[in-house]
Amino acid sequence: MSYAIYSFIHSISRTQKVSLLTKGLVNELISSESWNNVASLLKERGIIEEQPASLEDFEYMLKSRSLTLLEKIRNYFSIFRVTYNIVDLYIYMISLDELKNIIVSIVNGTGNGNSNKIRFFRKYFDQIPSSLEELMNSFKGNVYANALSYAIKDGQGKNISYLLSLLDIYFIKKLSEIIEGFKGDWKSLAENIICYYKDYYSISLAIKHKTVENTVCKIGTEILKDLSSSTSDAETLDILRRTQYSKLLNVNSTYGALASMYRIARINARKNSELVFMSSPFNPALALALAELIRLDTEDIISIANAKSLRLKEEKIKNMLSFEII
């Protein structure tokens, strides 16, 4: 890419960064009395346009806002294939929960033309397709079609849970392939953002589905092989204690270990995304950092709102976020 293209990426990324969360606002959200108050504060700040009627509507508004931002950024980068593809993967990831729900409805035969579960995908279909093949054809070769093709091919003969996990793996696998093409400092800056995610998704797949996926960063494939052949929670936790993450994980249960590892991955991603904005201004990793911060902001606000609905204490909420708040 030319100097002019890098300058453009730099300009767009820094302009869009002003729409992201600050630690001060996060503290205010945590201090709110209810999820309704969280929504009201975000409405006052112009982050959402109206007060949601339900928690589900609130989540939809937040994801819709993030998708609008990412689509805007993707369009800016439409002539730059690498940055366009990075942002495209983040659009895929933010809308993935709805896609999974649609897939479950198709596989379980509960869709029956139902349109209530369709919000983000109305531009592709008005009713839930009758088969996975019909669903894939609706996407006409875009990132959703490619992800489905990958998951259906590799998950053939396996259960629905495995297919859904492969849709997560597709995100980190393709992102890793793009970053592999970066050079020098740009590659290391981008790799630092996704490093722990690579280990989290691969460890999760090995534990839940006894499958080895070699998209890793700090752990070796031997650990994944051991996890994939473990036969009890106790054995799984003993293997996790042998990893570089052992002192950072909650190893009281497998669920706790995976949950704590995902949070570690998110904290690491936020830190390293912020570092990219302090590095060389002409850096294609800026698009990755910006997209990741948009994703993290969305997840953090949703976590705070859900925690408020459950009346969780502030200290517990802080321990759920990608921000490190004392």
C-alpha atoms as a PDB file:
ATOM      1  CA  MET A   1       0.000   0.000   0.000  1.00  0.00           C
ATOM      2  CA  SER A   2       1.166   3.536  -0.719  1.00  0.00           C
ATOM      3  CA  TYR A   3       1.918   6.335   1.754  1.00  0.00           C
ATOM      4  CA  ALA A   4      -1.328   8.068   0.720  1.00  0.00           C
ATOM      5  CA  ILE A   5      -3.371   4.956   1.553  1.00  0.00           C
ATOM      6  CA  TYR A   6      -1.759   4.600   4.992  1.00  0.00           C
ATOM      7  CA  SER A   7      -2.467   8.284   5.656  1.00  0.00           C
ATOM      8  CA  PHE A   8      -6.117   7.707   4.753  1.00  0.00           C
ATOM      9  CA  ILE A   9      -6.388   4.700   7.096  1.00  0.00           C
ATOM     10  CA  HIS A  10      -4.794   6.748   9.863  1.00  0.00           C
ATOM     11  CA  SER A  11      -7.151   9.694   9.355  1.00  0.00           C
ATOM     12  CA  ILE A  12     -10.336   7.611   9.242  1.00  0.00           C
ATOM     13  CA  SER A  13      -9.367   5.431  12.224  1.00  0.00           C
ATOM     14  CA  ARG A  14      -8.543   8.371  14.474  1.00  0.00           C
ATOM     15  CA  THR A  15     -11.698  10.234  13.458  1.00  0.00           C
ATOM     16  CA  GLN A  16     -13.904   7.261  14.335  1.00  0.00           C
ATOM     17  CA  LYS A  17     -12.102   6.609  17.636  1.00  0.00           C
ATOM     18  CA  VAL A  18     -13.858   9.591  19.238  1.00  0.00           C
ATOM     19  CA  SER A  19     -17.103   7.546  19.260  1.00  0.00           C
ATOM     20  CA  LEU A  20     -15.618   4.954  21.635  1.00  0.00           C
ATOM     21  CA  LEU A  21     -16.147   4.523  25.365  1.00  0.00           C
ATOM     22  CA  THR A  22     -13.978   6.242  27.956  1.00  0.00           C
ATOM     23  CA  LYS A  23     -13.130   4.818  31.366  1.00  0.00           C
ATOM     24  CA  GLY A  24     -14.987   7.727  32.961  1.00  0.00           C
ATOM     25  CA  LEU A  25     -18.219   6.878  31.154  1.00  0.00           C
ATOM     26  CA  VAL A  26     -17.818   3.199  32.019  1.00  0.00           C
ATOM     27  CA  ASN A  27     -17.560   4.131  35.714  1.00  0.00           C
ATOM     28  CA  GLU A  28     -20.769   6.155  35.391  1.00  0.00           C
ATOM     29  CA  LEU A  29     -22.528   3.208  33.744  1.00  0.00           C
ATOM     30  CA  ILE A  30     -21.379   0.849  36.500  1.00  0.00           C
ATOM     31  CA  SER A  31     -22.719   3.280  39.115  1.00  0.00           C
ATOM     32  CA  SER A  32     -26.156   3.435  37.476  1.00  0.00           C
ATOM     33  CA  GLU A  33     -29.025   2.019  39.533  1.00  0.00           C
ATOM     34  CA  SER A  34     -30.582  -0.130  36.783  1.00  0.00           C
ATOM     35  CA  TRP A  35     -30.214  -1.121  33.167  1.00  0.00           C
ATOM     36  CA  ASN A  36     -32.825   1.534  32.351  1.00  0.00           C
ATOM     37  CA  ASN A  37     -30.537   4.147  33.892  1.00  0.00           C
ATOM     38  CA  VAL A  38     -27.633   2.766  31.845  1.00  0.00           C
ATOM     39  CA  ALA A  39     -29.731   3.229  28.699  1.00  0.00           C
ATOM     40  CA  SER A  40     -30.811   6.736  29.765  1.00  0.00           C
ATOM     41  CA  LEU A  41     -27.202   7.811  30.266  1.00  0.00           C
ATOM     42  CA  LEU A  42     -26.196   6.477  26.857  1.00  0.00           C
ATOM     43  CA  LYS A  43     -29.165   8.289  25.311  1.00  0.00           C
ATOM     44  CA  GLU A  44     -28.055  11.541  26.958  1.00  0.00           C
ATOM     45  CA  ARG A  45     -24.567  11.044  25.487  1.00  0.00           C
ATOM     46  CA  GLY A  46     -26.000  10.400  22.020  1.00  0.00           C
ATOM     47  CA  ILE A  47     -24.790   6.815  21.869  1.00  0.00           C
ATOM     48  CA  ILE A  48     -28.344   5.495  21.391  1.00  0.00           C
ATOM     49  CA  GLU A  49     -31.207   7.528  19.953  1.00  0.00           C
ATOM     50  CA  GLU A  50     -34.143   6.373  22.078  1.00  0.00           C
ATOM     51  CA  GLN A  51     -34.973   4.670  25.351  1.00  0.00           C
ATOM     52  CA  PRO A  52     -35.374   0.911  24.755  1.00  0.00           C
ATOM     53  CA  ALA A  53     -38.544  -0.850  25.875  1.00  0.00           C
ATOM     54  CA  SER A  54     -36.711  -3.996  26.948  1.00  0.00           C
ATOM     55  CA  LEU A  55     -33.238  -5.334  27.637  1.00  0.00           C
ATOM     56  CA  GLU A  56     -33.425  -7.279  24.367  1.00  0.00           C
ATOM     57  CA  ASP A  57     -34.221  -4.079  22.458  1.00  0.00           C
ATOM     58  CA  PHE A  58     -31.333  -2.353  24.237  1.00  0.00           C
ATOM     59  CA  GLU A  59     -28.881  -5.036  23.091  1.00  0.00           C
ATOM     60  CA  TYR A  60     -30.232  -4.759  19.562  1.00  0.00           C
ATOM     61  CA  MET A  61     -29.755  -0.955  19.586  1.00  0.00           C
ATOM     62  CA  LEU A  62     -26.161  -1.288  20.764  1.00  0.00           C
ATOM     63  CA  LYS A  63     -25.255  -3.916  18.192  1.00  0.00           C
ATOM     64  CA  SER A  64     -27.077  -1.995  15.472  1.00  0.00           C
ATOM     65  CA  ARG A  65     -25.079   1.128  16.321  1.00  0.00           C
ATOM     66  CA  SER A  66     -21.825  -0.847  16.195  1.00  0.00           C
ATOM     67  CA  LEU A  67     -22.742  -2.434  12.871  1.00  0.00           C
ATOM     68  CA  THR A  68     -23.560   0.988  11.427  1.00  0.00           C
ATOM     69  CA  LEU A  69     -20.172   2.294  12.577  1.00  0.00           C
ATOM     70  CA  LEU A  70     -18.329  -0.727  11.195  1.00  0.00           C
ATOM     71  CA  GLU A  71     -20.180  -0.615   7.871  1.00  0.00           C
ATOM     72  CA  LYS A  72     -19.267   3.056   7.568  1.00  0.00           C
ATOM     73  CA  ILE A  73     -15.610   2.256   8.259  1.00  0.00           C
ATOM     74  CA  ARG A  74     -15.679  -0.712   5.874  1.00  0.00           C
ATOM     75  CA  ASN A  75     -17.054   1.516   3.122  1.00  0.00           C
ATOM     76  CA  TYR A  76     -14.238   4.009   3.707  1.00  0.00           C
ATOM     77  CA  PHE A  77     -11.790   1.129   3.213  1.00  0.00           C
ATOM     78  CA  SER A  78     -13.603  -0.417   0.250  1.00  0.00           C
ATOM     79  CA  ILE A  79     -10.626   0.059  -2.097  1.00  0.00           C
ATOM     80  CA  PHE A  80      -8.162  -1.403   0.426  1.00  0.00           C
ATOM     81  CA  ARG A  81      -8.775  -5.135   0.424  1.00  0.00           C
ATOM     82  CA  VAL A  82      -6.867  -6.003   3.612  1.00  0.00           C
ATOM     83  CA  THR A  83      -8.517  -3.437   5.895  1.00  0.00           C
ATOM     84  CA  TYR A  84     -11.907  -4.017   4.230  1.00  0.00           C
ATOM     85  CA  ASN A  85     -11.702  -7.746   5.010  1.00  0.00           C
ATOM     86  CA  ILE A  86     -10.704  -7.097   8.632  1.00  0.00           C
ATOM     87  CA  VAL A  87     -13.701  -4.852   9.259  1.00  0.00           C
ATOM     88  CA  ASP A  88     -15.952  -7.289   7.380  1.00  0.00           C
ATOM     89  CA  LEU A  89     -14.997 -10.020   9.855  1.00  0.00           C
ATOM     90  CA  TYR A  90     -15.955  -7.783  12.784  1.00  0.00           C
ATOM     91  CA  ILE A  91     -19.332  -7.056  11.204  1.00  0.00           C
ATOM     92  CA  TYR A  92     -19.755 -10.825  10.959  1.00  0.00           C
ATOM     93  CA  MET A  93     -18.778 -11.325  14.598  1.00  0.00           C
ATOM     94  CA  ILE A  94     -21.123  -8.705  16.054  1.00  0.00           C
ATOM     95  CA  SER A  95     -24.095 -10.166  14.166  1.00  0.00           C
ATOM     96  CA  LEU A  96     -23.093 -13.787  14.822  1.00  0.00           C
ATOM     97  CA  ASP A  97     -25.433 -14.402  17.780  1.00  0.00           C
ATOM     98  CA  GLU A  98     -28.466 -13.771  15.593  1.00  0.00           C
ATOM     99  CA  LEU A  99     -27.066 -15.982  12.844  1.00  0.00           C
ATOM    100  CA  LYS A 100     -26.563 -18.785  15.376  1.00  0.00           C
ATOM    101  CA  ASN A 101     -30.165 -18.452  16.557  1.00  0.00           C
ATOM    102  CA  ILE A 102     -31.371 -18.708  12.965  1.00  0.00           C
ATOM    103  CA  ILE A 103     -29.219 -21.810  12.384  1.00  0.00           C
ATOM    104  CA  VAL A 104     -30.566 -23.478  15.536  1.00  0.00           C
ATOM    105  CA  SER A 105     -34.127 -22.756  14.385  1.00  0.00           C
ATOM    106  CA  ILE A 106     -33.401 -24.323  10.986  1.00  0.00           C
ATOM    107  CA  VAL A 107     -31.700 -27.431  12.396  1.00  0.00           C
ATOM    108  CA  ASN A 108     -34.396 -27.965  15.030  1.00  0.00           C
ATOM    109  CA  GLY A 109     -37.187 -27.320  12.546  1.00  0.00           C
ATOM    110  CA  THR A 110     -38.672 -24.529  14.667  1.00  0.00           C
ATOM    111  CA  GLY A 111     -38.327 -21.720  12.122  1.00  0.00           C
ATOM    112  CA  ASN A 112     -41.350 -22.511   9.951  1.00  0.00           C
ATOM    113  CA  GLY A 113     -41.142 -19.194   8.156  1.00  0.00           C
ATOM    114  CA  ASN A 114     -40.909 -17.308  11.457  1.00  0.00           C
ATOM    115  CA  SER A 115     -39.605 -13.754  11.013  1.00  0.00           C
ATOM    116  CA  ASN A 116     -39.501 -12.684  14.679  1.00  0.00           C
ATOM    117  CA  LYS A 117     -35.873 -13.753  15.111  1.00  0.00           C
ATOM    118  CA  ILE A 118     -34.685 -11.773  12.092  1.00  0.00           C
ATOM    119  CA  ARG A 119     -33.406  -8.260  12.706  1.00  0.00           C
ATOM    120  CA  PHE A 120     -29.906  -7.805  11.282  1.00  0.00           C
ATOM    121  CA  PHE A 121     -30.455 -10.126   8.316  1.00  0.00           C
ATOM    122  CA  ARG A 122     -33.652  -8.683   6.824  1.00  0.00           C
ATOM    123  CA  LYS A 123     -31.755  -7.463   3.786  1.00  0.00           C
ATOM    124  CA  TYR A 124     -31.102 -11.131   2.949  1.00  0.00           C
ATOM    125  CA  PHE A 125     -34.453 -12.762   3.812  1.00  0.00           C
ATOM    126  CA  ASP A 126     -37.801 -11.919   5.415  1.00  0.00           C
ATOM    127  CA  GLN A 127     -38.430 -15.377   6.867  1.00  0.00           C
ATOM    128  CA  ILE A 128     -36.116 -18.002   8.296  1.00  0.00           C
ATOM    129  CA  PRO A 129     -34.889 -20.235   5.440  1.00  0.00           C
ATOM    130  CA  SER A 130     -35.970 -23.866   5.432  1.00  0.00           C
ATOM    131  CA  SER A 131     -32.451 -25.331   5.214  1.00  0.00           C
ATOM    132  CA  LEU A 132     -28.799 -24.453   5.799  1.00  0.00           C
ATOM    133  CA  GLU A 133     -28.211 -24.652   2.053  1.00  0.00           C
ATOM    134  CA  GLU A 134     -30.963 -22.107   1.435  1.00  0.00           C
ATOM    135  CA  LEU A 135     -29.496 -19.924   4.186  1.00  0.00           C
ATOM    136  CA  MET A 136     -26.029 -20.075   2.636  1.00  0.00           C
ATOM    137  CA  ASN A 137     -27.388 -19.276  -0.828  1.00  0.00           C
ATOM    138  CA  SER A 138     -29.141 -16.205   0.593  1.00  0.00           C
ATOM    139  CA  PHE A 139     -25.757 -14.699   1.444  1.00  0.00           C
ATOM    140  CA  LYS A 140     -24.422 -14.985  -2.123  1.00  0.00           C
ATOM    141  CA  GLY A 141     -20.715 -15.535  -1.443  1.00  0.00           C
ATOM    142  CA  ASN A 142     -20.155 -12.953   1.316  1.00  0.00           C
ATOM    143  CA  VAL A 143     -18.460 -13.496   4.702  1.00  0.00           C
ATOM    144  CA  TYR A 144     -21.551 -15.246   6.146  1.00  0.00           C
ATOM    145  CA  ALA A 145     -21.691 -17.686   3.232  1.00  0.00           C
ATOM    146  CA  ASN A 146     -17.963 -18.417   3.552  1.00  0.00           C
ATOM    147  CA  ALA A 147     -18.251 -18.998   7.295  1.00  0.00           C
ATOM    148  CA  LEU A 148     -21.235 -21.303   6.870  1.00  0.00           C
ATOM    149  CA  SER A 149     -19.477 -23.248   4.128  1.00  0.00           C
ATOM    150  CA  TYR A 150     -16.452 -23.735   6.369  1.00  0.00           C
ATOM    151  CA  ALA A 151     -18.535 -24.765   9.392  1.00  0.00           C
ATOM    152  CA  ILE A 152     -20.807 -27.153   7.452  1.00  0.00           C
ATOM    153  CA  LYS A 153     -17.859 -28.828   5.711  1.00  0.00           C
ATOM    154  CA  ASP A 154     -15.741 -29.279   8.857  1.00  0.00           C
ATOM    155  CA  GLY A 155     -18.725 -30.043  11.071  1.00  0.00           C
ATOM    156  CA  GLN A 156     -20.248 -32.683   8.840  1.00  0.00           C
ATOM    157  CA  GLY A 157     -21.609 -35.545  10.915  1.00  0.00           C
ATOM    158  CA  LYS A 158     -21.138 -33.627  14.176  1.00  0.00           C
ATOM    159  CA  ASN A 159     -23.742 -31.984  16.435  1.00  0.00           C
ATOM    160  CA  ILE A 160     -25.137 -28.458  16.151  1.00  0.00           C
ATOM    161  CA  SER A 161     -23.014 -27.228  19.068  1.00  0.00           C
ATOM    162  CA  TYR A 162     -19.837 -28.081  17.161  1.00  0.00           C
ATOM    163  CA  LEU A 163     -21.067 -26.309  14.022  1.00  0.00           C
ATOM    164  CA  LEU A 164     -21.781 -23.157  16.053  1.00  0.00           C
ATOM    165  CA  SER A 165     -18.305 -23.290  17.628  1.00  0.00           C
ATOM    166  CA  LEU A 166     -16.768 -23.518  14.152  1.00  0.00           C
ATOM    167  CA  LEU A 167     -18.468 -20.225  13.281  1.00  0.00           C
ATOM    168  CA  ASP A 168     -16.459 -18.635  16.115  1.00  0.00           C
ATOM    169  CA  ILE A 169     -13.282 -20.361  14.971  1.00  0.00           C
ATOM    170  CA  TYR A 170     -13.823 -19.020  11.441  1.00  0.00           C
ATOM    171  CA  PHE A 171     -13.519 -15.448  12.743  1.00  0.00           C
ATOM    172  CA  ILE A 172     -10.186 -15.888  14.495  1.00  0.00           C
ATOM    173  CA  LYS A 173      -8.802 -18.236  11.819  1.00  0.00           C
ATOM    174  CA  LYS A 174      -9.460 -15.798   8.960  1.00  0.00           C
ATOM    175  CA  LEU A 175      -8.286 -12.811  10.991  1.00  0.00           C
ATOM    176  CA  SER A 176      -5.040 -14.659  11.735  1.00  0.00           C
ATOM    177  CA  GLU A 177      -4.538 -15.412   8.047  1.00  0.00           C
ATOM    178  CA  ILE A 178      -4.911 -11.726   7.157  1.00  0.00           C
ATOM    179  CA  ILE A 179      -2.465 -10.615   9.866  1.00  0.00           C
ATOM    180  CA  GLU A 180       0.030 -13.245   8.743  1.00  0.00           C
ATOM    181  CA  GLY A 181       0.432 -11.155   5.580  1.00  0.00           C
ATOM    182  CA  PHE A 182       1.493  -8.039   7.534  1.00  0.00           C
ATOM    183  CA  LYS A 183       5.174  -7.113   7.780  1.00  0.00           C
ATOM    184  CA  GLY A 184       7.479  -6.082  10.625  1.00  0.00           C
ATOM    185  CA  ASP A 185       6.084  -3.951  13.451  1.00  0.00           C
ATOM    186  CA  TRP A 186       2.647  -3.857  11.824  1.00  0.00           C
ATOM    187  CA  LYS A 187       2.402  -7.626  12.127  1.00  0.00           C
ATOM    188  CA  SER A 188       3.515  -7.701  15.770  1.00  0.00           C
ATOM    189  CA  LEU A 189       1.101  -4.894  16.730  1.00  0.00           C
ATOM    190  CA  ALA A 190      -1.824  -6.700  15.100  1.00  0.00           C
ATOM    191  CA  GLU A 191      -0.780 -10.110  16.435  1.00  0.00           C
ATOM    192  CA  ASN A 192      -0.643  -8.722  19.975  1.00  0.00           C
ATOM    193  CA  ILE A 193      -4.323  -7.737  19.722  1.00  0.00           C
ATOM    194  CA  ILE A 194      -5.570 -11.208  18.803  1.00  0.00           C
ATOM    195  CA  CYS A 195      -2.928 -13.401  20.486  1.00  0.00           C
ATOM    196  CA  TYR A 196      -4.936 -14.451  23.538  1.00  0.00           C
ATOM    197  CA  TYR A 197      -8.113 -14.834  21.475  1.00  0.00           C
ATOM    198  CA  LYS A 198      -6.343 -17.443  19.347  1.00  0.00           C
ATOM    199  CA  ASP A 199      -5.492 -19.479  22.419  1.00  0.00           C
ATOM    200  CA  TYR A 200      -8.939 -19.009  23.975  1.00  0.00           C
ATOM    201  CA  TYR A 201     -10.875 -20.226  20.927  1.00  0.00           C
ATOM    202  CA  SER A 202      -8.542 -23.169  20.333  1.00  0.00           C
ATOM    203  CA  ILE A 203      -8.561 -24.228  23.999  1.00  0.00           C
ATOM    204  CA  SER A 204     -12.346 -23.885  24.109  1.00  0.00           C
ATOM    205  CA  LEU A 205     -12.738 -26.093  21.027  1.00  0.00           C
ATOM    206  CA  ALA A 206     -10.374 -28.721  22.442  1.00  0.00           C
ATOM    207  CA  ILE A 207     -12.236 -28.866  25.761  1.00  0.00           C
ATOM    208  CA  LYS A 208     -15.804 -28.729  24.470  1.00  0.00           C
ATOM    209  CA  HIS A 209     -15.489 -30.738  21.268  1.00  0.00           C
ATOM    210  CA  LYS A 210     -12.262 -32.736  21.637  1.00  0.00           C
ATOM    211  CA  THR A 211     -10.883 -31.187  18.449  1.00  0.00           C
ATOM    212  CA  VAL A 212      -7.435 -29.677  17.862  1.00  0.00           C
ATOM    213  CA  GLU A 213      -7.325 -26.346  16.009  1.00  0.00           C
ATOM    214  CA  ASN A 214      -3.796 -25.089  15.410  1.00  0.00           C
ATOM    215  CA  THR A 215      -4.623 -21.372  15.442  1.00  0.00           C
ATOM    216  CA  VAL A 216      -2.592 -20.632  18.579  1.00  0.00           C
ATOM    217  CA  CYS A 217      -0.245 -18.028  20.038  1.00  0.00           C
ATOM    218  CA  LYS A 218       1.337 -18.808  23.415  1.00  0.00           C
ATOM    219  CA  ILE A 219       0.332 -22.435  23.884  1.00  0.00           C
ATOM    220  CA  GLY A 220       1.605 -25.480  22.024  1.00  0.00           C
ATOM    221  CA  THR A 221      -0.402 -28.040  20.116  1.00  0.00           C
ATOM    222  CA  GLU A 222       0.607 -30.662  22.708  1.00  0.00           C
ATOM    223  CA  ILE A 223      -1.540 -28.840  25.272  1.00  0.00           C
ATOM    224  CA  LEU A 224      -4.472 -28.875  22.843  1.00  0.00           C
ATOM    225  CA  LYS A 225      -4.001 -32.579  22.189  1.00  0.00           C
ATOM    226  CA  ASP A 226      -3.977 -33.281  25.922  1.00  0.00           C
ATOM    227  CA  LEU A 227      -7.103 -31.173  26.453  1.00  0.00           C
ATOM    228  CA  SER A 228      -8.888 -32.886  23.571  1.00  0.00           C
ATOM    229  CA  SER A 229      -8.215 -36.298  25.107  1.00  0.00           C
ATOM    230  CA  SER A 230      -8.998 -35.352  28.719  1.00  0.00           C
ATOM    231  CA  THR A 231     -11.871 -37.302  30.265  1.00  0.00           C
ATOM    232  CA  SER A 232     -12.766 -35.249  33.355  1.00  0.00           C
ATOM    233  CA  ASP A 233     -12.916 -31.682  34.640  1.00  0.00           C
ATOM    234  CA  ALA A 234     -10.136 -32.442  37.092  1.00  0.00           C
ATOM    235  CA  GLU A 235      -7.846 -33.649  34.294  1.00  0.00           C
ATOM    236  CA  THR A 236      -8.733 -30.631  32.130  1.00  0.00           C
ATOM    237  CA  LEU A 237      -7.944 -28.207  34.963  1.00  0.00           C
ATOM    238  CA  ASP A 238      -4.619 -29.935  35.660  1.00  0.00           C
ATOM    239  CA  ILE A 239      -3.643 -29.456  32.001  1.00  0.00           C
ATOM    240  CA  LEU A 240      -4.645 -25.766  32.106  1.00  0.00           C
ATOM    241  CA  ARG A 241      -2.416 -25.328  35.168  1.00  0.00           C
ATOM    242  CA  ARG A 242       0.528 -26.288  32.928  1.00  0.00           C
ATOM    243  CA  THR A 243      -0.090 -23.372  30.553  1.00  0.00           C
ATOM    244  CA  GLN A 244       1.338 -19.840  30.622  1.00  0.00           C
ATOM    245  CA  TYR A 245      -2.117 -18.651  31.667  1.00  0.00           C
ATOM    246  CA  SER A 246      -2.294 -20.747  34.855  1.00  0.00           C
ATOM    247  CA  LYS A 247      -1.800 -17.891  37.340  1.00  0.00           C
ATOM    248  CA  LEU A 248      -4.426 -15.759  35.596  1.00  0.00           C
ATOM    249  CA  LEU A 249      -7.188 -18.354  35.348  1.00  0.00           C
ATOM    250  CA  ASN A 250      -9.955 -19.339  37.715  1.00  0.00           C
ATOM    251  CA  VAL A 251      -9.200 -23.047  37.882  1.00  0.00           C
ATOM    252  CA  ASN A 252     -11.997 -23.967  40.286  1.00  0.00           C
ATOM    253  CA  SER A 253     -14.045 -25.242  37.329  1.00  0.00           C
ATOM    254  CA  THR A 254     -13.721 -25.666  33.583  1.00  0.00           C
ATOM    255  CA  TYR A 255     -16.436 -23.070  33.003  1.00  0.00           C
ATOM    256  CA  GLY A 256     -14.652 -20.616  35.317  1.00  0.00           C
ATOM    257  CA  ALA A 257     -11.332 -21.234  33.570  1.00  0.00           C
ATOM    258  CA  LEU A 258     -12.776 -20.543  30.123  1.00  0.00           C
ATOM    259  CA  ALA A 259     -14.703 -17.483  31.318  1.00  0.00           C
ATOM    260  CA  SER A 260     -11.618 -16.007  32.975  1.00  0.00           C
ATOM    261  CA  MET A 261      -9.505 -16.734  29.904  1.00  0.00           C
ATOM    262  CA  TYR A 262     -11.985 -14.943  27.669  1.00  0.00           C
ATOM    263  CA  ARG A 263     -11.839 -11.911  29.933  1.00  0.00           C
ATOM    264  CA  ILE A 264      -8.015 -11.995  29.893  1.00  0.00           C
ATOM    265  CA  ALA A 265      -8.142 -12.098  26.078  1.00  0.00           C
ATOM    266  CA  ARG A 266     -10.468  -9.084  26.025  1.00  0.00           C
ATOM    267  CA  ILE A 267      -8.321  -7.053  28.460  1.00  0.00           C
ATOM    268  CA  ASN A 268      -5.246  -7.856  26.384  1.00  0.00           C
ATOM    269  CA  ALA A 269      -7.036  -6.894  23.162  1.00  0.00           C
ATOM    270  CA  ARG A 270      -8.121  -3.517  24.576  1.00  0.00           C
ATOM    271  CA  LYS A 271      -4.647  -2.694  25.883  1.00  0.00           C
ATOM    272  CA  ASN A 272      -2.945  -3.584  22.624  1.00  0.00           C
ATOM    273  CA  SER A 273      -5.580  -1.880  20.475  1.00  0.00           C
ATOM    274  CA  GLU A 274      -4.966   1.344  22.402  1.00  0.00           C
ATOM    275  CA  LEU A 275      -1.218   0.890  21.903  1.00  0.00           C
ATOM    276  CA  VAL A 276      -1.693   0.755  18.130  1.00  0.00           C
ATOM    277  CA  PHE A 277      -3.117   4.283  18.224  1.00  0.00           C
ATOM    278  CA  MET A 278       0.071   5.434  19.965  1.00  0.00           C
ATOM    279  CA  SER A 279       2.337   3.786  17.393  1.00  0.00           C
ATOM    280  CA  SER A 280       3.338   4.767  13.869  1.00  0.00           C
ATOM    281  CA  PRO A 281       0.481   6.813  12.349  1.00  0.00           C
ATOM    282  CA  PHE A 282       0.654   5.028   8.998  1.00  0.00           C
ATOM    283  CA  ASN A 283      -0.337   1.546  10.087  1.00  0.00           C
ATOM    284  CA  PRO A 284      -2.956  -0.825   8.593  1.00  0.00           C
ATOM    285  CA  ALA A 285      -3.325  -2.395  12.073  1.00  0.00           C
ATOM    286  CA  LEU A 286      -5.288   0.755  13.005  1.00  0.00           C
ATOM    287  CA  ALA A 287      -8.349  -0.672  11.230  1.00  0.00           C
ATOM    288  CA  LEU A 288      -8.067  -3.841  13.323  1.00  0.00           C
ATOM    289  CA  ALA A 289      -7.600  -1.865  16.554  1.00  0.00           C
ATOM    290  CA  LEU A 290     -10.604   0.353  15.838  1.00  0.00           C
ATOM    291  CA  ALA A 291     -12.879  -2.576  14.942  1.00  0.00           C
ATOM    292  CA  GLU A 292     -11.785  -4.490  18.047  1.00  0.00           C
ATOM    293  CA  LEU A 293     -12.462  -1.503  20.326  1.00  0.00           C
ATOM    294  CA  ILE A 294     -15.947  -1.114  18.844  1.00  0.00           C
ATOM    295  CA  ARG A 295     -16.603  -4.798  19.532  1.00  0.00           C
ATOM    296  CA  LEU A 296     -15.264  -4.557  23.095  1.00  0.00           C
ATOM    297  CA  ASP A 297     -17.341  -1.453  23.843  1.00  0.00           C
ATOM    298  CA  THR A 298     -20.488  -3.213  22.661  1.00  0.00           C
ATOM    299  CA  GLU A 299     -19.804  -6.320  24.745  1.00  0.00           C
ATOM    300  CA  ASP A 300     -18.940  -4.251  27.837  1.00  0.00           C
ATOM    301  CA  ILE A 301     -22.113  -2.146  27.727  1.00  0.00           C
ATOM    302  CA  ILE A 302     -24.262  -5.257  27.217  1.00  0.00           C
ATOM    303  CA  SER A 303     -22.490  -6.934  30.150  1.00  0.00           C
ATOM    304  CA  ILE A 304     -23.132  -3.925  32.397  1.00  0.00           C
ATOM    305  CA  ALA A 305     -26.816  -3.764  31.408  1.00  0.00           C
ATOM    306  CA  ASN A 306     -27.341  -7.499  31.979  1.00  0.00           C
ATOM    307  CA  ALA A 307     -25.517  -7.312  35.313  1.00  0.00           C
ATOM    308  CA  LYS A 308     -27.727  -4.408  36.407  1.00  0.00           C
ATOM    309  CA  SER A 309     -30.839  -6.402  35.510  1.00  0.00           C
ATOM    310  CA  LEU A 310     -29.539  -9.167  37.814  1.00  0.00           C
ATOM    311  CA  ARG A 311     -28.650  -6.615  40.538  1.00  0.00           C
ATOM    312  CA  LEU A 312     -25.014  -7.695  40.668  1.00  0.00           C
ATOM    313  CA  LYS A 313     -22.625  -5.708  42.845  1.00  0.00           C
ATOM    314  CA  GLU A 314     -20.349  -3.119  41.241  1.00  0.00           C
ATOM    315  CA  GLU A 315     -17.152  -5.029  42.050  1.00  0.00           C
ATOM    316  CA  LYS A 316     -18.472  -8.104  40.275  1.00  0.00           C
ATOM    317  CA  ILE A 317     -19.430  -6.008  37.246  1.00  0.00           C
ATOM    318  CA  LYS A 318     -15.927  -4.527  37.062  1.00  0.00           C
ATOM    319  CA  ASN A 319     -14.492  -8.051  36.907  1.00  0.00           C
ATOM    320  CA  MET A 320     -16.584  -8.800  33.808  1.00  0.00           C
ATOM    321  CA  LEU A 321     -15.229  -5.996  31.605  1.00  0.00           C
ATOM    322  CA  SER A 322     -12.340  -5.461  29.204  1.00  0.00           C
ATOM    323  CA  PHE A 323     -11.520  -2.280  31.119  1.00  0.00           C
ATOM    324  CA  GLU A 324      -9.336  -2.689  34.199  1.00  0.00           C
ATOM    325  CA  ILE A 325     -11.125  -0.545  36.786  1.00  0.00           C
ATOM    326  CA  ILE A 326     -10.043  -0.279  40.401  1.00  0.00           C
END
